[in-house]
PDB file of N, CA and C in Angstrom:
ATOM      1  N   MET A   1       2.012  21.265  -2.417  1.00  0.00           N
ATOM      2  CA  MET A   1       1.247  21.636  -3.608  1.00  0.00           C
ATOM      3  C   MET A   1      -0.069  20.885  -3.641  1.00  0.00           C
ATOM      4  N   PRO A   2      -0.112  19.638  -3.254  1.00  0.00           N
ATOM      5  CA  PRO A   2      -1.395  18.873  -3.286  1.00  0.00           C
ATOM      6  C   PRO A   2      -2.427  19.612  -2.391  1.00  0.00           C
ATOM      7  N   ALA A   3      -2.057  20.276  -1.315  1.00  0.00           N
ATOM      8  CA  ALA A   3      -2.925  20.935  -0.439  1.00  0.00           C
ATOM      9  C   ALA A   3      -3.643  22.013  -1.177  1.00  0.00           C
ATOM     10  N   THR A   4      -3.043  22.555  -2.197  1.00  0.00           N
ATOM     11  CA  THR A   4      -3.656  23.715  -2.932  1.00  0.00           C
ATOM     12  C   THR A   4      -4.650  23.273  -3.948  1.00  0.00           C
ATOM     13  N   GLY A   5      -4.558  22.001  -4.358  1.00  0.00           N
ATOM     14  CA  GLY A   5      -5.427  21.403  -5.366  1.00  0.00           C
ATOM     15  C   GLY A   5      -4.796  21.673  -6.820  1.00  0.00           C
ATOM     16  N   ALA A   6      -3.651  22.209  -6.933  1.00  0.00           N
ATOM     17  CA  ALA A   6      -3.039  22.494  -8.147  1.00  0.00           C
ATOM     18  C   ALA A   6      -2.322  21.235  -8.690  1.00  0.00           C
ATOM     19  N   ASP A   7      -2.425  20.928  -9.965  1.00  0.00           N
ATOM     20  CA  ASP A   7      -1.760  19.806 -10.621  1.00  0.00           C
ATOM     21  C   ASP A   7      -0.356  20.178 -11.146  1.00  0.00           C
ATOM     22  N   LEU A   8      -0.194  21.468 -11.457  1.00  0.00           N
ATOM     23  CA  LEU A   8       1.044  21.939 -12.030  1.00  0.00           C
ATOM     24  C   LEU A   8       1.194  23.438 -11.710  1.00  0.00           C
ATOM     25  N   VAL A   9       2.358  23.790 -11.198  1.00  0.00           N
ATOM     26  CA  VAL A   9       2.664  25.249 -10.857  1.00  0.00           C
ATOM     27  C   VAL A   9       4.032  25.636 -11.361  1.00  0.00           C
ATOM     28  N   CYS A  10       4.045  26.823 -11.877  1.00  0.00           N
ATOM     29  CA  CYS A  10       5.324  27.361 -12.460  1.00  0.00           C
ATOM     30  C   CYS A  10       5.665  28.598 -11.684  1.00  0.00           C
ATOM     31  N   PHE A  11       6.952  28.671 -11.239  1.00  0.00           N
ATOM     32  CA  PHE A  11       7.494  29.802 -10.497  1.00  0.00           C
ATOM     33  C   PHE A  11       8.576  30.432 -11.367  1.00  0.00           C
ATOM     34  N   SER A  12       8.572  31.781 -11.382  1.00  0.00           N
ATOM     35  CA  SER A  12       9.656  32.505 -12.068  1.00  0.00           C
ATOM     36  C   SER A  12      10.983  32.314 -11.238  1.00  0.00           C
ATOM     37  N   GLY A  13      12.077  32.092 -11.919  1.00  0.00           N
ATOM     38  CA  GLY A  13      13.345  31.926 -11.261  1.00  0.00           C
ATOM     39  C   GLY A  13      13.894  33.350 -10.726  1.00  0.00           C
ATOM     40  N   GLY A  14      13.498  34.387 -11.377  1.00  0.00           N
ATOM     41  CA  GLY A  14      13.905  35.721 -10.987  1.00  0.00           C
ATOM     42  C   GLY A  14      12.914  36.163  -9.858  1.00  0.00           C
ATOM     43  N   LYS A  15      12.580  37.417  -9.925  1.00  0.00           N
ATOM     44  CA  LYS A  15      11.666  38.021  -8.931  1.00  0.00           C
ATOM     45  C   LYS A  15      11.985  37.694  -7.521  1.00  0.00           C
ATOM     46  N   ALA A  16      11.081  37.103  -6.798  1.00  0.00           N
ATOM     47  CA  ALA A  16      11.256  36.900  -5.314  1.00  0.00           C
ATOM     48  C   ALA A  16      12.396  35.876  -5.071  1.00  0.00           C
ATOM     49  N   ILE A  17      12.577  34.818  -5.889  1.00  0.00           N
ATOM     50  CA  ILE A  17      13.568  33.921  -5.652  1.00  0.00           C
ATOM     51  C   ILE A  17      14.964  34.483  -5.805  1.00  0.00           C
ATOM     52  N   GLY A  18      15.149  35.484  -6.718  1.00  0.00           N
ATOM     53  CA  GLY A  18      16.338  36.153  -6.919  1.00  0.00           C
ATOM     54  C   GLY A  18      17.379  35.506  -7.870  1.00  0.00           C
ATOM     55  N   GLY A  19      16.861  34.557  -8.649  1.00  0.00           N
ATOM     56  CA  GLY A  19      17.744  33.881  -9.571  1.00  0.00           C
ATOM     57  C   GLY A  19      17.698  34.578 -10.906  1.00  0.00           C
ATOM     58  N   PRO A  20      18.383  34.025 -11.937  1.00  0.00           N
ATOM     59  CA  PRO A  20      18.334  34.618 -13.289  1.00  0.00           C
ATOM     60  C   PRO A  20      16.953  34.696 -13.874  1.00  0.00           C
ATOM     61  N   GLN A  21      16.630  35.827 -14.547  1.00  0.00           N
ATOM     62  CA  GLN A  21      15.376  36.109 -15.117  1.00  0.00           C
ATOM     63  C   GLN A  21      14.947  35.053 -16.158  1.00  0.00           C
ATOM     64  N   SER A  22      15.892  34.446 -16.797  1.00  0.00           N
ATOM     65  CA  SER A  22      15.569  33.517 -17.912  1.00  0.00           C
ATOM     66  C   SER A  22      15.319  32.101 -17.293  1.00  0.00           C
ATOM     67  N   THR A  23      15.121  31.990 -16.044  1.00  0.00           N
ATOM     68  CA  THR A  23      14.851  30.609 -15.462  1.00  0.00           C
ATOM     69  C   THR A  23      13.445  30.500 -14.769  1.00  0.00           C
ATOM     70  N   GLY A  24      13.160  29.311 -14.429  1.00  0.00           N
ATOM     71  CA  GLY A  24      11.901  29.073 -13.737  1.00  0.00           C
ATOM     72  C   GLY A  24      11.861  27.665 -13.185  1.00  0.00           C
ATOM     73  N   ILE A  25      10.899  27.393 -12.374  1.00  0.00           N
ATOM     74  CA  ILE A  25      10.732  26.117 -11.734  1.00  0.00           C
ATOM     75  C   ILE A  25       9.341  25.584 -11.990  1.00  0.00           C
ATOM     76  N   LEU A  26       9.200  24.340 -12.511  1.00  0.00           N
ATOM     77  CA  LEU A  26       7.981  23.683 -12.774  1.00  0.00           C
ATOM     78  C   LEU A  26       7.791  22.594 -11.853  1.00  0.00           C
ATOM     79  N   CYS A  27       6.700  22.604 -11.039  1.00  0.00           N
ATOM     80  CA  CYS A  27       6.447  21.541 -10.068  1.00  0.00           C
ATOM     81  C   CYS A  27       5.092  20.969 -10.297  1.00  0.00           C
ATOM     82  N   GLY A  28       4.886  19.679  -9.958  1.00  0.00           N
ATOM     83  CA  GLY A  28       3.560  19.122 -10.109  1.00  0.00           C
ATOM     84  C   GLY A  28       3.592  17.605 -10.358  1.00  0.00           C
ATOM     85  N   ARG A  29       2.530  17.184 -10.931  1.00  0.00           N
ATOM     86  CA  ARG A  29       2.327  15.705 -11.206  1.00  0.00           C
ATOM     87  C   ARG A  29       3.382  15.302 -12.127  1.00  0.00           C
ATOM     88  N   ARG A  30       3.997  14.135 -11.914  1.00  0.00           N
ATOM     89  CA  ARG A  30       5.124  13.568 -12.721  1.00  0.00           C
ATOM     90  C   ARG A  30       4.739  13.537 -14.195  1.00  0.00           C
ATOM     91  N   ASP A  31       3.480  13.117 -14.506  1.00  0.00           N
ATOM     92  CA  ASP A  31       3.095  12.976 -15.952  1.00  0.00           C
ATOM     93  C   ASP A  31       3.073  14.337 -16.597  1.00  0.00           C
ATOM     94  N   LEU A  32       2.584  15.428 -15.919  1.00  0.00           N
ATOM     95  CA  LEU A  32       2.476  16.780 -16.480  1.00  0.00           C
ATOM     96  C   LEU A  32       3.860  17.361 -16.651  1.00  0.00           C
ATOM     97  N   VAL A  33       4.767  17.254 -15.679  1.00  0.00           N
ATOM     98  CA  VAL A  33       6.144  17.712 -15.745  1.00  0.00           C
ATOM     99  C   VAL A  33       6.895  16.936 -16.823  1.00  0.00           C
ATOM    100  N   GLY A  34       6.630  15.614 -17.001  1.00  0.00           N
ATOM    101  CA  GLY A  34       7.240  14.810 -17.984  1.00  0.00           C
ATOM    102  C   GLY A  34       6.777  15.299 -19.418  1.00  0.00           C
ATOM    103  N   ALA A  35       5.525  15.673 -19.518  1.00  0.00           N
ATOM    104  CA  ALA A  35       5.024  16.114 -20.781  1.00  0.00           C
ATOM    105  C   ALA A  35       5.660  17.386 -21.142  1.00  0.00           C
ATOM    106  N   ALA A  36       5.873  18.362 -20.154  1.00  0.00           N
ATOM    107  CA  ALA A  36       6.506  19.583 -20.432  1.00  0.00           C
ATOM    108  C   ALA A  36       7.917  19.400 -20.840  1.00  0.00           C
ATOM    109  N   ALA A  37       8.626  18.408 -20.182  1.00  0.00           N
ATOM    110  CA  ALA A  37      10.016  18.089 -20.469  1.00  0.00           C
ATOM    111  C   ALA A  37      10.187  17.606 -21.909  1.00  0.00           C
ATOM    112  N   LEU A  38       9.247  16.811 -22.387  1.00  0.00           N
ATOM    113  CA  LEU A  38       9.218  16.312 -23.722  1.00  0.00           C
ATOM    114  C   LEU A  38       9.221  17.513 -24.741  1.00  0.00           C
ATOM    115  N   ARG A  39       8.538  18.486 -24.412  1.00  0.00           N
ATOM    116  CA  ARG A  39       8.385  19.641 -25.329  1.00  0.00           C
ATOM    117  C   ARG A  39       9.713  20.458 -25.473  1.00  0.00           C
ATOM    118  N   MET A  40      10.646  20.136 -24.556  1.00  0.00           N
ATOM    119  CA  MET A  40      11.856  20.826 -24.599  1.00  0.00           C
ATOM    120  C   MET A  40      12.898  20.100 -25.404  1.00  0.00           C
ATOM    121  N   LEU A  41      12.679  18.775 -25.687  1.00  0.00           N
ATOM    122  CA  LEU A  41      13.661  17.967 -26.375  1.00  0.00           C
ATOM    123  C   LEU A  41      13.718  18.277 -27.894  1.00  0.00           C
ATOM    124  N   ASP A  42      14.888  17.992 -28.470  1.00  0.00           N
ATOM    125  CA  ASP A  42      15.154  18.103 -29.865  1.00  0.00           C
ATOM    126  C   ASP A  42      15.333  16.747 -30.402  1.00  0.00           C
ATOM    127  N   MET A  43      14.355  16.119 -30.934  1.00  0.00           N
ATOM    128  CA  MET A  43      14.387  14.700 -31.234  1.00  0.00           C
ATOM    129  C   MET A  43      14.203  14.453 -32.741  1.00  0.00           C
ATOM    130  N   ASP A  44      15.235  14.546 -33.552  1.00  0.00           N
ATOM    131  CA  ASP A  44      15.107  14.331 -34.984  1.00  0.00           C
ATOM    132  C   ASP A  44      15.252  12.842 -35.315  1.00  0.00           C
ATOM    133  N   ASP A  45      15.756  12.056 -34.353  1.00  0.00           N
ATOM    134  CA  ASP A  45      15.977  10.685 -34.595  1.00  0.00           C
ATOM    135  C   ASP A  45      14.707   9.839 -34.625  1.00  0.00           C
ATOM    136  N   HIS A  46      14.810   8.644 -35.187  1.00  0.00           N
ATOM    137  CA  HIS A  46      13.675   7.773 -35.247  1.00  0.00           C
ATOM    138  C   HIS A  46      13.517   7.218 -33.786  1.00  0.00           C
ATOM    139  N   LEU A  47      12.251   6.881 -33.425  1.00  0.00           N
ATOM    140  CA  LEU A  47      11.936   6.498 -32.052  1.00  0.00           C
ATOM    141  C   LEU A  47      12.841   5.240 -31.669  1.00  0.00           C
ATOM    142  N   ARG A  48      13.152   4.389 -32.622  1.00  0.00           N
ATOM    143  CA  ARG A  48      13.938   3.226 -32.240  1.00  0.00           C
ATOM    144  C   ARG A  48      15.371   3.559 -31.736  1.00  0.00           C
ATOM    145  N   LEU A  49      15.787   4.835 -32.082  1.00  0.00           N
ATOM    146  CA  LEU A  49      17.068   5.210 -31.628  1.00  0.00           C
ATOM    147  C   LEU A  49      17.037   6.099 -30.295  1.00  0.00           C
ATOM    148  N   TRP A  50      15.834   6.290 -29.828  1.00  0.00           N
ATOM    149  CA  TRP A  50      15.674   7.206 -28.665  1.00  0.00           C
ATOM    150  C   TRP A  50      15.176   6.324 -27.481  1.00  0.00           C
ATOM    151  N   GLU A  51      15.923   6.456 -26.402  1.00  0.00           N
ATOM    152  CA  GLU A  51      15.619   5.679 -25.144  1.00  0.00           C
ATOM    153  C   GLU A  51      15.307   6.656 -24.055  1.00  0.00           C
ATOM    154  N   PRO A  52      14.041   7.042 -23.903  1.00  0.00           N
ATOM    155  CA  PRO A  52      13.694   8.073 -22.846  1.00  0.00           C
ATOM    156  C   PRO A  52      13.844   7.553 -21.467  1.00  0.00           C
ATOM    157  N   PRO A  53      14.102   8.455 -20.523  1.00  0.00           N
ATOM    158  CA  PRO A  53      14.109   7.993 -19.118  1.00  0.00           C
ATOM    159  C   PRO A  53      12.689   7.463 -18.719  1.00  0.00           C
ATOM    160  N   ALA A  54      12.603   6.606 -17.762  1.00  0.00           N
ATOM    161  CA  ALA A  54      11.354   5.942 -17.392  1.00  0.00           C
ATOM    162  C   ALA A  54      10.394   7.049 -16.829  1.00  0.00           C
ATOM    163  N   SER A  55      10.929   8.183 -16.392  1.00  0.00           N
ATOM    164  CA  SER A  55       9.982   9.196 -15.824  1.00  0.00           C
ATOM    165  C   SER A  55       9.230  10.032 -16.900  1.00  0.00           C
ATOM    166  N   LEU A  56       9.706   9.837 -18.191  1.00  0.00           N
ATOM    167  CA  LEU A  56       8.930  10.567 -19.265  1.00  0.00           C
ATOM    168  C   LEU A  56       7.851   9.608 -19.848  1.00  0.00           C
ATOM    169  N   PRO A  57       6.812  10.257 -20.471  1.00  0.00           N
ATOM    170  CA  PRO A  57       5.816   9.436 -21.075  1.00  0.00           C
ATOM    171  C   PRO A  57       6.382   8.514 -22.130  1.00  0.00           C
ATOM    172  N   GLU A  58       5.622   7.446 -22.462  1.00  0.00           N
ATOM    173  CA  GLU A  58       6.075   6.433 -23.378  1.00  0.00           C
ATOM    174  C   GLU A  58       6.447   7.033 -24.732  1.00  0.00           C
ATOM    175  N   ALA A  59       7.559   6.665 -25.374  1.00  0.00           N
ATOM    176  CA  ALA A  59       8.026   7.156 -26.655  1.00  0.00           C
ATOM    177  C   ALA A  59       6.966   7.015 -27.726  1.00  0.00           C
ATOM    178  N   GLU A  60       6.150   5.941 -27.681  1.00  0.00           N
ATOM    179  CA  GLU A  60       5.117   5.662 -28.627  1.00  0.00           C
ATOM    180  C   GLU A  60       4.018   6.735 -28.688  1.00  0.00           C
ATOM    181  N   SER A  61       3.932   7.524 -27.616  1.00  0.00           N
ATOM    182  CA  SER A  61       2.931   8.563 -27.531  1.00  0.00           C
ATOM    183  C   SER A  61       3.306   9.780 -28.369  1.00  0.00           C
ATOM    184  N   LEU A  62       4.501   9.800 -28.945  1.00  0.00           N
ATOM    185  CA  LEU A  62       4.989  10.917 -29.741  1.00  0.00           C
ATOM    186  C   LEU A  62       4.861  10.568 -31.203  1.00  0.00           C
ATOM    187  N   ALA A  63       3.959  11.206 -31.914  1.00  0.00           N
ATOM    188  CA  ALA A  63       3.733  10.890 -33.299  1.00  0.00           C
ATOM    189  C   ALA A  63       4.562  11.756 -34.199  1.00  0.00           C
ATOM    190  N   GLY A  64       5.069  11.039 -35.286  1.00  0.00           N
ATOM    191  CA  GLY A  64       5.726  11.836 -36.262  1.00  0.00           C
ATOM    192  C   GLY A  64       7.204  12.254 -36.019  1.00  0.00           C
ATOM    193  N   ILE A  65       7.859  12.583 -37.139  1.00  0.00           N
ATOM    194  CA  ILE A  65       9.257  13.064 -37.130  1.00  0.00           C
ATOM    195  C   ILE A  65       9.181  14.296 -37.947  1.00  0.00           C
ATOM    196  N   PRO A  66       9.840  15.384 -37.660  1.00  0.00           N
ATOM    197  CA  PRO A  66      10.635  15.590 -36.405  1.00  0.00           C
ATOM    198  C   PRO A  66       9.732  15.962 -35.286  1.00  0.00           C
ATOM    199  N   ARG A  67      10.248  15.712 -34.154  1.00  0.00           N
ATOM    200  CA  ARG A  67       9.634  15.999 -32.893  1.00  0.00           C
ATOM    201  C   ARG A  67      10.381  17.142 -32.213  1.00  0.00           C
ATOM    202  N   GLN A  68      10.443  18.307 -32.870  1.00  0.00           N
ATOM    203  CA  GLN A  68      11.202  19.394 -32.243  1.00  0.00           C
ATOM    204  C   GLN A  68      10.366  19.907 -31.028  1.00  0.00           C
ATOM    205  N   GLY A  69      11.159  20.231 -29.974  1.00  0.00           N
ATOM    206  CA  GLY A  69      10.494  20.767 -28.814  1.00  0.00           C
ATOM    207  C   GLY A  69      10.020  22.137 -28.969  1.00  0.00           C
ATOM    208  N   LEU A  70       8.862  22.452 -28.523  1.00  0.00           N
ATOM    209  CA  LEU A  70       8.238  23.799 -28.620  1.00  0.00           C
ATOM    210  C   LEU A  70       9.133  24.782 -27.890  1.00  0.00           C
ATOM    211  N   GLY A  71       9.702  24.356 -26.763  1.00  0.00           N
ATOM    212  CA  GLY A  71      10.451  25.302 -25.931  1.00  0.00           C
ATOM    213  C   GLY A  71      11.919  25.315 -26.277  1.00  0.00           C
ATOM    214  N   ARG A  72      12.388  24.631 -27.341  1.00  0.00           N
ATOM    215  CA  ARG A  72      13.758  24.565 -27.769  1.00  0.00           C
ATOM    216  C   ARG A  72      14.393  25.992 -27.935  1.00  0.00           C
ATOM    217  N   GLY A  73      13.627  26.967 -28.453  1.00  0.00           N
ATOM    218  CA  GLY A  73      14.122  28.281 -28.671  1.00  0.00           C
ATOM    219  C   GLY A  73      14.257  29.062 -27.341  1.00  0.00           C
ATOM    220  N   PHE A  74      13.760  28.500 -26.230  1.00  0.00           N
ATOM    221  CA  PHE A  74      13.693  29.146 -24.948  1.00  0.00           C
ATOM    222  C   PHE A  74      14.651  28.439 -23.939  1.00  0.00           C
ATOM    223  N   LYS A  75      15.570  27.707 -24.536  1.00  0.00           N
ATOM    224  CA  LYS A  75      16.485  26.914 -23.754  1.00  0.00           C
ATOM    225  C   LYS A  75      17.302  27.711 -22.735  1.00  0.00           C
ATOM    226  N   VAL A  76      17.400  27.271 -21.538  1.00  0.00           N
ATOM    227  CA  VAL A  76      18.189  27.932 -20.448  1.00  0.00           C
ATOM    228  C   VAL A  76      19.518  27.339 -20.375  1.00  0.00           C
ATOM    229  N   ALA A  77      20.579  28.206 -20.312  1.00  0.00           N
ATOM    230  CA  ALA A  77      21.975  27.755 -20.174  1.00  0.00           C
ATOM    231  C   ALA A  77      22.300  27.098 -18.883  1.00  0.00           C
ATOM    232  N   LYS A  78      23.200  26.139 -18.922  1.00  0.00           N
ATOM    233  CA  LYS A  78      23.552  25.400 -17.730  1.00  0.00           C
ATOM    234  C   LYS A  78      23.976  26.339 -16.585  1.00  0.00           C
ATOM    235  N   GLU A  79      24.641  27.426 -16.919  1.00  0.00           N
ATOM    236  CA  GLU A  79      25.108  28.285 -15.872  1.00  0.00           C
ATOM    237  C   GLU A  79      23.850  28.967 -15.167  1.00  0.00           C
ATOM    238  N   ASN A  80      22.884  29.241 -15.911  1.00  0.00           N
ATOM    239  CA  ASN A  80      21.673  29.879 -15.350  1.00  0.00           C
ATOM    240  C   ASN A  80      20.892  28.806 -14.444  1.00  0.00           C
ATOM    241  N   VAL A  81      20.997  27.581 -14.785  1.00  0.00           N
ATOM    242  CA  VAL A  81      20.322  26.495 -14.002  1.00  0.00           C
ATOM    243  C   VAL A  81      21.055  26.456 -12.656  1.00  0.00           C
ATOM    244  N   ALA A  82      22.449  26.414 -12.746  1.00  0.00           N
ATOM    245  CA  ALA A  82      23.202  26.382 -11.555  1.00  0.00           C
ATOM    246  C   ALA A  82      22.944  27.628 -10.643  1.00  0.00           C
ATOM    247  N   ALA A  83      22.806  28.770 -11.285  1.00  0.00           N
ATOM    248  CA  ALA A  83      22.554  29.997 -10.498  1.00  0.00           C
ATOM    249  C   ALA A  83      21.163  29.930  -9.884  1.00  0.00           C
ATOM    250  N   LEU A  84      20.229  29.395 -10.569  1.00  0.00           N
ATOM    251  CA  LEU A  84      18.858  29.208 -10.001  1.00  0.00           C
ATOM    252  C   LEU A  84      18.824  28.372  -8.803  1.00  0.00           C
ATOM    253  N   LEU A  85      19.569  27.223  -8.874  1.00  0.00           N
ATOM    254  CA  LEU A  85      19.658  26.231  -7.790  1.00  0.00           C
ATOM    255  C   LEU A  85      20.271  26.920  -6.540  1.00  0.00           C
ATOM    256  N   LYS A  86      21.322  27.789  -6.703  1.00  0.00           N
ATOM    257  CA  LYS A  86      21.945  28.493  -5.652  1.00  0.00           C
ATOM    258  C   LYS A  86      20.892  29.522  -5.093  1.00  0.00           C
ATOM    259  N   ALA A  87      20.277  30.310  -5.942  1.00  0.00           N
ATOM    260  CA  ALA A  87      19.267  31.228  -5.485  1.00  0.00           C
ATOM    261  C   ALA A  87      18.147  30.629  -4.708  1.00  0.00           C
ATOM    262  N   LEU A  88      17.730  29.463  -5.117  1.00  0.00           N
ATOM    263  CA  LEU A  88      16.680  28.781  -4.432  1.00  0.00           C
ATOM    264  C   LEU A  88      17.163  28.362  -3.037  1.00  0.00           C
ATOM    265  N   GLU A  89      18.370  27.871  -2.941  1.00  0.00           N
ATOM    266  CA  GLU A  89      18.935  27.498  -1.682  1.00  0.00           C
ATOM    267  C   GLU A  89      19.027  28.679  -0.734  1.00  0.00           C
ATOM    268  N   LEU A  90      19.505  29.855  -1.183  1.00  0.00           N
ATOM    269  CA  LEU A  90      19.537  31.020  -0.428  1.00  0.00           C
ATOM    270  C   LEU A  90      18.186  31.523  -0.065  1.00  0.00           C
ATOM    271  N   PHE A  91      17.239  31.430  -0.961  1.00  0.00           N
ATOM    272  CA  PHE A  91      15.827  31.811  -0.752  1.00  0.00           C
ATOM    273  C   PHE A  91      15.231  31.050   0.473  1.00  0.00           C
ATOM    274  N   LEU A  92      15.540  29.713   0.499  1.00  0.00           N
ATOM    275  CA  LEU A  92      14.970  28.877   1.491  1.00  0.00           C
ATOM    276  C   LEU A  92      15.652  29.114   2.872  1.00  0.00           C
ATOM    277  N   GLU A  93      16.849  29.650   2.886  1.00  0.00           N
ATOM    278  CA  GLU A  93      17.608  29.885   4.128  1.00  0.00           C
ATOM    279  C   GLU A  93      17.398  31.296   4.616  1.00  0.00           C
ATOM    280  N   ALA A  94      16.732  32.133   3.880  1.00  0.00           N
ATOM    281  CA  ALA A  94      16.539  33.572   4.271  1.00  0.00           C
ATOM    282  C   ALA A  94      15.738  33.749   5.490  1.00  0.00           C
ATOM    283  N   ASP A  95      15.998  34.812   6.250  1.00  0.00           N
ATOM    284  CA  ASP A  95      15.296  35.212   7.432  1.00  0.00           C
ATOM    285  C   ASP A  95      14.199  36.221   6.952  1.00  0.00           C
ATOM    286  N   TRP A  96      13.021  35.718   6.624  1.00  0.00           N
ATOM    287  CA  TRP A  96      11.974  36.559   5.966  1.00  0.00           C
ATOM    288  C   TRP A  96      11.411  37.558   6.967  1.00  0.00           C
ATOM    289  N   GLN A  97      11.307  37.168   8.231  1.00  0.00           N
ATOM    290  CA  GLN A  97      10.818  38.181   9.271  1.00  0.00           C
ATOM    291  C   GLN A  97      11.760  39.425   9.349  1.00  0.00           C
ATOM    292  N   ALA A  98      13.018  39.139   9.333  1.00  0.00           N
ATOM    293  CA  ALA A  98      13.997  40.280   9.356  1.00  0.00           C
ATOM    294  C   ALA A  98      13.972  41.087   8.010  1.00  0.00           C
ATOM    295  N   GLU A  99      13.619  40.387   6.943  1.00  0.00           N
ATOM    296  CA  GLU A  99      13.550  41.140   5.655  1.00  0.00           C
ATOM    297  C   GLU A  99      12.319  42.055   5.717  1.00  0.00           C
ATOM    298  N   ILE A 100      11.230  41.631   6.270  1.00  0.00           N
ATOM    299  CA  ILE A 100      10.021  42.353   6.344  1.00  0.00           C
ATOM    300  C   ILE A 100      10.245  43.601   7.260  1.00  0.00           C
ATOM    301  N   VAL A 101      10.952  43.429   8.378  1.00  0.00           N
ATOM    302  CA  VAL A 101      11.190  44.511   9.307  1.00  0.00           C
ATOM    303  C   VAL A 101      12.132  45.519   8.566  1.00  0.00           C
ATOM    304  N   GLY A 102      13.161  45.053   7.867  1.00  0.00           N
ATOM    305  CA  GLY A 102      13.984  45.978   7.186  1.00  0.00           C
ATOM    306  C   GLY A 102      13.314  46.830   6.049  1.00  0.00           C
ATOM    307  N   GLN A 103      12.413  46.079   5.308  1.00  0.00           N
ATOM    308  CA  GLN A 103      11.608  46.663   4.206  1.00  0.00           C
ATOM    309  C   GLN A 103      10.702  47.789   4.818  1.00  0.00           C
ATOM    310  N   THR A 104      10.084  47.413   5.979  1.00  0.00           N
ATOM    311  CA  THR A 104       9.168  48.328   6.613  1.00  0.00           C
ATOM    312  C   THR A 104       9.888  49.581   7.039  1.00  0.00           C
ATOM    313  N   ARG A 105      11.076  49.451   7.651  1.00  0.00           N
ATOM    314  CA  ARG A 105      11.858  50.556   8.033  1.00  0.00           C
ATOM    315  C   ARG A 105      12.241  51.487   6.854  1.00  0.00           C
ATOM    316  N   TRP A 106      12.619  50.848   5.785  1.00  0.00           N
ATOM    317  CA  TRP A 106      12.978  51.556   4.553  1.00  0.00           C
ATOM    318  C   TRP A 106      11.774  52.379   4.028  1.00  0.00           C
ATOM    319  N   LEU A 107      10.597  51.747   4.001  1.00  0.00           N
ATOM    320  CA  LEU A 107       9.450  52.432   3.506  1.00  0.00           C
ATOM    321  C   LEU A 107       9.017  53.546   4.474  1.00  0.00           C
ATOM    322  N   ASP A 108       9.187  53.393   5.812  1.00  0.00           N
ATOM    323  CA  ASP A 108       8.886  54.486   6.727  1.00  0.00           C
ATOM    324  C   ASP A 108       9.873  55.668   6.576  1.00  0.00           C
ATOM    325  N   GLU A 109      11.116  55.323   6.289  1.00  0.00           N
ATOM    326  CA  GLU A 109      12.117  56.424   6.010  1.00  0.00           C
ATOM    327  C   GLU A 109      11.773  57.197   4.720  1.00  0.00           C
ATOM    328  N   ILE A 110      11.317  56.519   3.745  1.00  0.00           N
ATOM    329  CA  ILE A 110      10.866  57.199   2.474  1.00  0.00           C
ATOM    330  C   ILE A 110       9.583  58.084   2.772  1.00  0.00           C
ATOM    331  N   SER A 111       8.683  57.534   3.525  1.00  0.00           N
ATOM    332  CA  SER A 111       7.416  58.322   3.836  1.00  0.00           C
ATOM    333  C   SER A 111       7.827  59.569   4.600  1.00  0.00           C
ATOM    334  N   GLU A 112       8.738  59.386   5.627  1.00  0.00           N
ATOM    335  CA  GLU A 112       9.206  60.611   6.398  1.00  0.00           C
ATOM    336  C   GLU A 112       9.905  61.600   5.482  1.00  0.00           C
ATOM    337  N   THR A 113      10.753  61.167   4.576  1.00  0.00           N
ATOM    338  CA  THR A 113      11.471  62.000   3.754  1.00  0.00           C
ATOM    339  C   THR A 113      10.539  62.805   2.885  1.00  0.00           C
ATOM    340  N   LEU A 114       9.473  62.126   2.403  1.00  0.00           N
ATOM    341  CA  LEU A 114       8.487  62.811   1.500  1.00  0.00           C
ATOM    342  C   LEU A 114       7.456  63.576   2.306  1.00  0.00           C
ATOM    343  N   GLY A 115       7.475  63.519   3.602  1.00  0.00           N
ATOM    344  CA  GLY A 115       6.474  64.259   4.411  1.00  0.00           C
ATOM    345  C   GLY A 115       5.100  63.587   4.445  1.00  0.00           C
ATOM    346  N   LEU A 116       5.095  62.251   4.238  1.00  0.00           N
ATOM    347  CA  LEU A 116       3.793  61.479   4.239  1.00  0.00           C
ATOM    348  C   LEU A 116       3.569  60.973   5.617  1.00  0.00           C
ATOM    349  N   PRO A 117       2.282  60.735   5.933  1.00  0.00           N
ATOM    350  CA  PRO A 117       1.947  60.142   7.215  1.00  0.00           C
ATOM    351  C   PRO A 117       2.582  58.685   7.306  1.00  0.00           C
ATOM    352  N   HIS A 118       2.837  58.261   8.552  1.00  0.00           N
ATOM    353  CA  HIS A 118       3.392  57.022   8.804  1.00  0.00           C
ATOM    354  C   HIS A 118       2.634  55.872   8.108  1.00  0.00           C
ATOM    355  N   GLY A 119       3.330  55.025   7.428  1.00  0.00           N
ATOM    356  CA  GLY A 119       2.639  53.952   6.762  1.00  0.00           C
ATOM    357  C   GLY A 119       2.034  54.260   5.416  1.00  0.00           C
ATOM    358  N   ALA A 120       2.252  55.450   4.813  1.00  0.00           N
ATOM    359  CA  ALA A 120       1.618  55.857   3.593  1.00  0.00           C
ATOM    360  C   ALA A 120       2.405  55.385   2.374  1.00  0.00           C
ATOM    361  N   ALA A 121       3.666  54.951   2.522  1.00  0.00           N
ATOM    362  CA  ALA A 121       4.354  54.594   1.335  1.00  0.00           C
ATOM    363  C   ALA A 121       4.007  53.321   0.850  1.00  0.00           C
TER     364      ALA A 121
END
């Protein structure tokens, strides 16, 4: 990702990866991913009662109570997270050259059935 110049990138868990539609992957600078993670937390407790992981921004940077996470209503179930991890594993192991060949054959067959010139689909 640093080669692209992007600081933060979000991928849909569904679509090409083939995981659950309600999932996604957020990659990037630790501070930006940490800031996004904070927005998912449900923190009604006083800061003295909260001990954040070292990877998250300092607790003092969060002003006021309650600190409801913006994304709380979009929470992903544990089962979907597990399914996304498996889908990502399968995605990384896939033979994409063979997939392209298969898709091209399929499109050629559709074109032929419709009476279209080769490669028109």
